[in-house]
Amino acid sequence: MKTGIIVYVTGDDSAIDTGKQSELIKDMMKADKVEIISRQYGHNDITDAWWSLTAKGMQRIVCVLAQCSGLGNLKLSGRQLQLCG
């Protein structure tokens, strides 16, 4: 089963390296695709990212909250919301 992760970023996101962070999250959570939602990068809302992952064939989609550190790294909250539909 293919897994997609939606990362919803809170706080200042100006220093995020989305490519690097996506790869780290993909490896850490054993996901096939990662979509990042932030003010500066990626999708505008969860629905947009969910649709993108669904169109790419993801059967399991999980949404997590993350906060950006001053160095541009993302710290995941640890809470997961499984999306379906």
Protein backbone atom coordinates (compact mmCIF):
# COMPACT_ATOMS: atom_id res chain seq x y z
CA MET A 1 0.00 0.00 0.00
CA LYS A 2 1.46 3.34 -1.04
CA THR A 3 1.66 5.95 1.72
CA GLY A 4 1.60 9.72 1.33
CA ILE A 5 2.41 12.27 4.04
CA ILE A 6 1.03 15.79 4.24
CA VAL A 7 3.16 18.05 6.44
CA TYR A 8 1.29 21.15 7.64
CA VAL A 9 3.91 23.73 8.69
CA THR A 10 3.14 26.27 11.41
CA GLY A 11 5.25 29.29 12.29
CA ASP A 12 7.91 31.03 10.22
CA ASP A 13 8.64 28.92 7.16
CA SER A 14 10.98 31.23 5.26
CA ALA A 15 14.11 29.12 5.90
CA ILE A 16 12.72 25.68 4.93
CA ASP A 17 14.63 23.65 2.35
CA THR A 18 11.56 21.73 1.15
CA GLY A 19 13.49 19.23 -0.97
CA LYS A 20 15.83 18.21 1.83
CA GLN A 21 13.05 18.13 4.45
CA SER A 22 10.77 16.10 2.18
CA GLU A 23 13.45 13.44 1.72
CA LEU A 24 14.17 13.29 5.47
CA ILE A 25 10.48 12.91 6.32
CA LYS A 26 9.99 10.35 3.55
CA ASP A 27 12.81 8.21 4.97
CA MET A 28 11.81 8.68 8.61
CA MET A 29 8.11 7.85 8.11
CA LYS A 30 8.65 5.27 5.33
CA ALA A 31 6.41 7.16 2.90
CA ASP A 32 6.29 7.09 -0.88
CA LYS A 33 5.45 10.79 -1.35
CA VAL A 34 5.53 13.89 0.86
CA GLU A 35 3.62 17.13 0.28
CA ILE A 36 4.44 20.21 2.38
CA ILE A 37 1.85 22.88 3.15
CA SER A 38 3.28 26.25 4.15
CA ARG A 39 2.80 29.90 3.36
CA GLN A 40 5.92 30.09 1.21
CA TYR A 41 6.07 26.69 -0.47
CA GLY A 42 3.93 23.83 -1.64
CA HIS A 43 0.18 23.58 -1.44
CA ASN A 44 -2.29 26.08 -0.07
CA ASP A 45 -4.40 23.70 2.00
CA ILE A 46 -4.79 20.10 3.12
CA THR A 47 -7.44 19.34 0.50
CA ASP A 48 -5.13 20.42 -2.34
CA ALA A 49 -2.29 18.24 -1.02
CA TRP A 50 -4.66 15.31 -0.40
CA TRP A 51 -5.94 15.52 -3.98
CA SER A 52 -2.38 15.62 -5.32
CA LEU A 53 -1.38 12.51 -3.34
CA THR A 54 -4.57 10.68 -4.33
CA ALA A 55 -3.92 11.46 -7.99
CA LYS A 56 -0.40 10.02 -7.59
CA GLY A 57 -1.82 6.69 -6.40
CA MET A 58 -1.41 6.96 -2.62
CA GLN A 59 -3.89 4.70 -0.79
CA ARG A 60 -2.93 5.74 2.76
CA ILE A 61 -2.57 9.46 3.46
CA VAL A 62 -1.43 10.82 6.81
CA CYS A 63 -1.37 14.48 7.86
CA VAL A 64 1.13 15.69 10.48
CA LEU A 65 1.85 19.09 12.01
CA ALA A 66 5.37 20.47 11.97
CA GLN A 67 7.07 23.59 13.22
CA CYS A 68 10.05 25.18 11.52
CA SER A 69 13.19 25.81 13.55
CA GLY A 70 15.34 28.85 12.93
CA LEU A 71 17.75 26.66 10.94
CA GLY A 72 15.10 25.59 8.42
CA ASN A 73 14.53 22.13 9.86
CA LEU A 74 11.06 20.78 10.50
CA LYS A 75 10.11 19.35 13.89
CA LEU A 76 7.13 16.99 13.62
CA SER A 77 4.53 17.18 16.41
CA GLY A 78 4.16 13.41 16.68
CA ARG A 79 0.38 13.51 16.17
CA GLN A 80 -0.98 11.96 12.99
CA LEU A 81 -4.34 12.34 11.32
CA GLN A 82 -5.19 9.65 8.77
CA LEU A 83 -7.20 11.06 5.85
CA CYS A 84 -9.60 9.01 3.78
CA GLY A 85 -12.23 9.58 1.19
